[in-house]
Amino acid sequence: MSDEGGSHVYREQDPTGSDADNARVSIAKRPEIEPYAVTSGLPGGGQGPKVRRFWSGRRIPAALTAAVLLGLAGLFLYDIASVRADRKAMQWRVTLANELATRHLDDVWIILGASVAAALGLWLLILALTPGERGVLPMARSGTAGVRAGLDRRAAELVLRDRAMEVSGVRSARVDVGRRKIKARATSHFRELEEVRDDLTAALGEAVRQLGLARSPQLHIHLQRAEKKG
């Protein structure tokens, strides 16, 4: 197979083979698939108990929201208590009450204030309904009472990059790890590209399997010849 011909290579897991055999997977030309897309036999992917993503504590947004609400509630409570004690209301509350009573709903400032409030409310809803912690990848659990663990995304990228650099012929490598997809880009300065690609596929496939992630990610490898200096 020649790179100049623009052939695409698709590697898929052999369900009848062993784990060692699945590290080096079969090759077939599939022009409609992304070049050199690799789907390795990795743990997870519906096997065993379902592992959910880690939820962020959202401490900073929660602290800011609580501080703002506490401050506003304190001001209103103090002003109401002052009025009950036969004192004048604060000027800002009088001005606010007059503005709200005299301005129409189509006023620019009313629309702007409502838009800001709606945007803040939507932001808080998104924070409350999404797990966050995108930098932590859930790991597979053994049994229903297994310890719940996560792997730092940056650490996984460094591990896979180091494993790629150990392959003979690889000059440089970069790995981006996502929850569903792992993209590896590498350059080779000697050996045939197909041989380097096969070794790189086997090495990274085994490395991803050893990470023990809960979800089986798709491994996409892009390998090209390094530019000659001079």
Protein backbone atom coordinates (compact mmCIF):
# COMPACT_ATOMS: atom_id res chain seq x y z
CA MET A 1 0.00 0.00 0.00
CA SER A 2 1.38 3.39 -0.98
CA ASP A 3 0.74 6.77 0.67
CA GLU A 4 1.09 8.50 -2.70
CA GLY A 5 -1.93 6.59 -3.93
CA GLY A 6 -4.07 8.11 -1.19
CA SER A 7 -5.28 4.75 0.11
CA HIS A 8 -7.31 4.70 3.30
CA VAL A 9 -6.77 2.01 5.90
CA TYR A 10 -9.42 0.93 8.38
CA ARG A 11 -8.50 -1.33 11.26
CA GLU A 12 -11.21 -2.97 13.33
CA GLN A 13 -11.31 -5.43 16.24
CA ASP A 14 -11.56 -9.13 15.50
CA PRO A 15 -14.28 -10.37 17.91
CA THR A 16 -12.96 -13.94 17.72
CA GLY A 17 -9.35 -13.05 18.45
CA SER A 18 -7.52 -12.69 21.73
CA ASP A 19 -6.53 -9.39 23.35
CA ALA A 20 -3.03 -9.75 21.99
CA ASP A 21 -4.34 -10.39 18.49
CA ASN A 22 -6.65 -7.37 18.73
CA ALA A 23 -3.65 -5.15 19.40
CA ARG A 24 -2.67 -5.80 15.77
CA VAL A 25 -5.94 -5.64 13.94
CA SER A 26 -6.95 -6.52 10.43
CA ILE A 27 -6.49 -4.09 7.56
CA ALA A 28 -8.96 -3.41 4.77
CA LYS A 29 -9.28 -0.56 2.30
CA ARG A 30 -12.28 1.65 3.09
CA PRO A 31 -12.14 4.92 1.06
CA GLU A 32 -15.15 6.43 2.80
CA ILE A 33 -13.57 6.33 6.25
CA GLU A 34 -11.10 8.79 7.73
CA PRO A 35 -7.51 7.81 6.82
CA TYR A 36 -6.04 5.28 9.18
CA ALA A 37 -8.93 5.22 11.62
CA VAL A 38 -8.37 2.64 14.33
CA THR A 39 -11.00 1.13 16.61
CA SER A 40 -9.19 -0.97 19.19
CA GLY A 41 -10.58 -3.61 21.50
CA LEU A 42 -10.59 -1.53 24.66
CA PRO A 43 -12.29 -2.11 28.02
CA GLY A 44 -15.67 -0.53 28.67
CA GLY A 45 -17.96 0.25 25.80
CA GLY A 46 -21.02 -1.29 27.44
CA GLN A 47 -19.14 -4.07 29.19
CA GLY A 48 -19.62 -4.22 32.97
CA PRO A 49 -21.44 -1.67 35.11
CA LYS A 50 -22.10 1.72 33.58
CA VAL A 51 -19.72 4.39 34.83
CA ARG A 52 -20.94 7.98 34.94
CA ARG A 53 -18.82 11.06 34.50
CA PHE A 54 -17.47 12.92 37.50
CA TRP A 55 -19.46 15.98 38.55
CA SER A 56 -17.72 19.23 39.32
CA GLY A 57 -18.33 20.89 42.66
CA ARG A 58 -18.79 24.29 40.90
CA ARG A 59 -17.41 25.97 44.00
CA ILE A 60 -16.55 29.31 42.40
CA PRO A 61 -19.94 29.86 40.64
CA ALA A 62 -21.76 28.66 43.74
CA ALA A 63 -19.75 30.97 46.00
CA LEU A 64 -20.28 33.98 43.71
CA THR A 65 -24.02 33.34 43.40
CA ALA A 66 -24.41 32.88 47.14
CA ALA A 67 -22.40 36.04 47.89
CA VAL A 68 -24.46 38.17 45.48
CA LEU A 69 -27.78 36.83 46.74
CA LEU A 70 -26.71 37.23 50.36
CA GLY A 71 -25.60 40.81 49.75
CA LEU A 72 -28.84 41.78 47.98
CA ALA A 73 -30.98 40.07 50.60
CA GLY A 74 -29.06 41.84 53.36
CA LEU A 75 -29.54 45.26 51.73
CA PHE A 76 -33.26 44.76 51.21
CA LEU A 77 -33.72 43.41 54.73
CA TYR A 78 -31.83 46.36 56.24
CA ASP A 79 -33.84 48.88 54.20
CA ILE A 80 -37.17 47.27 55.08
CA ALA A 81 -36.21 47.25 58.76
CA SER A 82 -35.27 50.95 58.51
CA VAL A 83 -38.63 51.81 56.96
CA ARG A 84 -40.41 49.83 59.68
CA ALA A 85 -38.48 51.92 62.23
CA ASP A 86 -39.93 55.13 60.71
CA ARG A 87 -36.76 55.99 58.79
CA LYS A 88 -36.46 56.99 55.17
CA ALA A 89 -35.85 54.30 52.61
CA MET A 90 -32.49 54.21 50.89
CA GLN A 91 -32.29 56.41 47.82
CA TRP A 92 -31.31 53.55 45.51
CA ARG A 93 -34.46 51.62 46.39
CA VAL A 94 -36.67 54.66 45.90
CA THR A 95 -35.06 55.35 42.51
CA LEU A 96 -35.37 51.70 41.51
CA ALA A 97 -39.06 51.59 42.49
CA ASN A 98 -39.79 54.78 40.53
CA GLU A 99 -37.94 53.54 37.43
CA LEU A 100 -39.77 50.22 37.46
CA ALA A 101 -43.10 51.99 37.90
CA THR A 102 -42.61 54.55 35.12
CA ARG A 103 -40.64 52.70 32.43
CA HIS A 104 -42.51 50.66 29.81
CA LEU A 105 -41.70 47.04 29.00
CA ASP A 106 -40.34 48.01 25.58
CA ASP A 107 -37.77 50.34 27.14
CA VAL A 108 -34.17 49.60 26.15
CA TRP A 109 -32.92 49.34 29.73
CA ILE A 110 -35.77 47.04 30.72
CA ILE A 111 -35.03 44.73 27.78
CA LEU A 112 -31.30 44.84 28.50
CA GLY A 113 -31.80 44.04 32.17
CA ALA A 114 -34.16 41.18 31.36
CA SER A 115 -31.69 39.79 28.81
CA VAL A 116 -28.82 39.87 31.30
CA ALA A 117 -30.97 38.18 33.95
CA ALA A 118 -32.08 35.49 31.47
CA ALA A 119 -28.48 34.89 30.37
CA LEU A 120 -27.31 34.52 33.96
CA GLY A 121 -30.19 32.16 34.72
CA LEU A 122 -29.41 30.04 31.65
CA TRP A 123 -25.73 29.91 32.66
CA LEU A 124 -26.65 28.72 36.15
CA LEU A 125 -28.99 26.08 34.70
CA ILE A 126 -26.26 24.79 32.39
CA LEU A 127 -23.84 24.58 35.32
CA ALA A 128 -26.42 22.72 37.39
CA LEU A 129 -27.38 20.20 34.68
CA THR A 130 -23.97 19.40 33.18
CA PRO A 131 -21.33 17.34 34.97
CA GLY A 132 -18.27 19.36 34.01
CA GLU A 133 -14.86 17.92 34.94
CA ARG A 134 -13.97 17.49 31.27
CA GLY A 135 -10.36 17.05 32.29
CA VAL A 136 -11.10 13.78 34.13
CA LEU A 137 -11.75 10.56 32.20
CA PRO A 138 -13.80 7.92 34.11
CA MET A 139 -12.06 4.59 34.48
CA ALA A 140 -13.69 1.17 34.32
CA ARG A 141 -14.96 -0.38 37.55
CA SER A 142 -14.71 -4.05 38.46
CA GLY A 143 -17.92 -5.21 40.14
CA THR A 144 -20.73 -3.13 41.58
CA ALA A 145 -18.70 -2.12 44.65
CA GLY A 146 -15.51 -1.23 42.80
CA VAL A 147 -13.58 1.92 43.60
CA ARG A 148 -14.57 4.83 41.36
CA ALA A 149 -11.48 6.31 39.74
CA GLY A 150 -10.68 8.88 37.10
CA LEU A 151 -7.67 9.63 34.93
CA ASP A 152 -6.45 13.13 34.19
CA ARG A 153 -6.81 13.87 30.48
CA ARG A 154 -3.44 15.61 30.27
CA ALA A 155 -1.71 12.68 31.98
CA ALA A 156 -3.29 10.26 29.50
CA GLU A 157 -2.05 12.39 26.61
CA LEU A 158 1.50 12.38 27.99
CA VAL A 159 1.46 8.62 28.52
CA LEU A 160 0.25 7.95 24.97
CA ARG A 161 2.70 10.44 23.49
CA ASP A 162 5.61 8.80 25.33
CA ARG A 163 4.45 5.39 24.13
CA ALA A 164 4.29 6.68 20.56
CA MET A 165 7.81 8.11 20.81
CA GLU A 166 9.09 4.66 21.79
CA VAL A 167 8.11 3.27 18.38
CA SER A 168 11.10 2.93 16.07
CA GLY A 169 10.91 5.48 13.27
CA VAL A 170 8.72 8.03 15.04
CA ARG A 171 10.36 11.44 15.16
CA SER A 172 7.61 13.50 16.79
CA ALA A 173 4.14 12.77 18.14
CA ARG A 174 1.14 14.60 19.49
CA VAL A 175 -1.89 12.99 21.11
CA ASP A 176 -5.25 14.60 21.90
CA VAL A 177 -7.47 12.55 24.20
CA GLY A 178 -11.25 12.99 24.27
CA ARG A 179 -14.06 11.01 25.86
CA ARG A 180 -15.03 9.36 22.56
CA LYS A 181 -12.02 9.83 20.33
CA ILE A 182 -8.24 9.82 20.61
CA LYS A 183 -6.32 11.58 17.84
CA ALA A 184 -2.64 10.82 17.38
CA ARG A 185 -0.46 12.73 14.92
CA ALA A 186 3.08 11.58 14.29
CA THR A 187 5.94 12.05 11.85
CA SER A 188 8.44 9.42 10.77
CA HIS A 189 11.98 10.04 9.55
CA PHE A 190 13.03 6.49 8.65
CA ARG A 191 11.55 3.05 7.96
CA GLU A 192 8.60 2.41 5.70
CA LEU A 193 5.50 4.33 6.73
CA GLU A 194 3.32 1.24 6.70
CA GLU A 195 5.64 -0.58 9.09
CA VAL A 196 5.83 2.42 11.42
CA ARG A 197 2.06 2.83 11.25
CA ASP A 198 1.44 -0.81 12.15
CA ASP A 199 3.84 -0.64 15.10
CA LEU A 200 2.34 2.68 16.22
CA THR A 201 -1.18 1.28 15.97
CA ALA A 202 -0.25 -1.76 18.05
CA ALA A 203 1.63 0.28 20.65
CA LEU A 204 -1.06 2.93 21.11
CA GLY A 205 -3.87 0.38 21.03
CA GLU A 206 -2.24 -1.59 23.82
CA ALA A 207 -1.46 1.63 25.74
CA VAL A 208 -5.08 2.82 25.54
CA ARG A 209 -6.28 -0.60 26.67
CA GLN A 210 -3.95 -0.43 29.67
CA LEU A 211 -5.37 2.96 30.65
CA GLY A 212 -8.53 1.13 31.71
CA LEU A 213 -11.00 3.78 30.57
CA ALA A 214 -14.71 3.16 31.07
CA ARG A 215 -15.64 4.17 27.52
CA SER A 216 -13.98 2.54 24.53
CA PRO A 217 -12.49 5.48 22.59
CA GLN A 218 -11.80 5.40 18.88
CA LEU A 219 -8.12 5.76 18.07
CA HIS A 220 -7.36 7.82 14.96
CA ILE A 221 -3.75 7.87 13.80
CA HIS A 222 -2.34 10.26 11.22
CA LEU A 223 1.24 9.49 10.21
CA GLN A 224 3.30 11.36 7.66
CA ARG A 225 6.89 11.61 6.56
CA ALA A 226 8.95 14.21 8.38
CA GLU A 227 10.23 17.09 6.28
CA LYS A 228 13.90 16.89 5.45
CA LYS A 229 16.05 19.68 6.86
CA GLY A 230 17.97 21.82 4.43
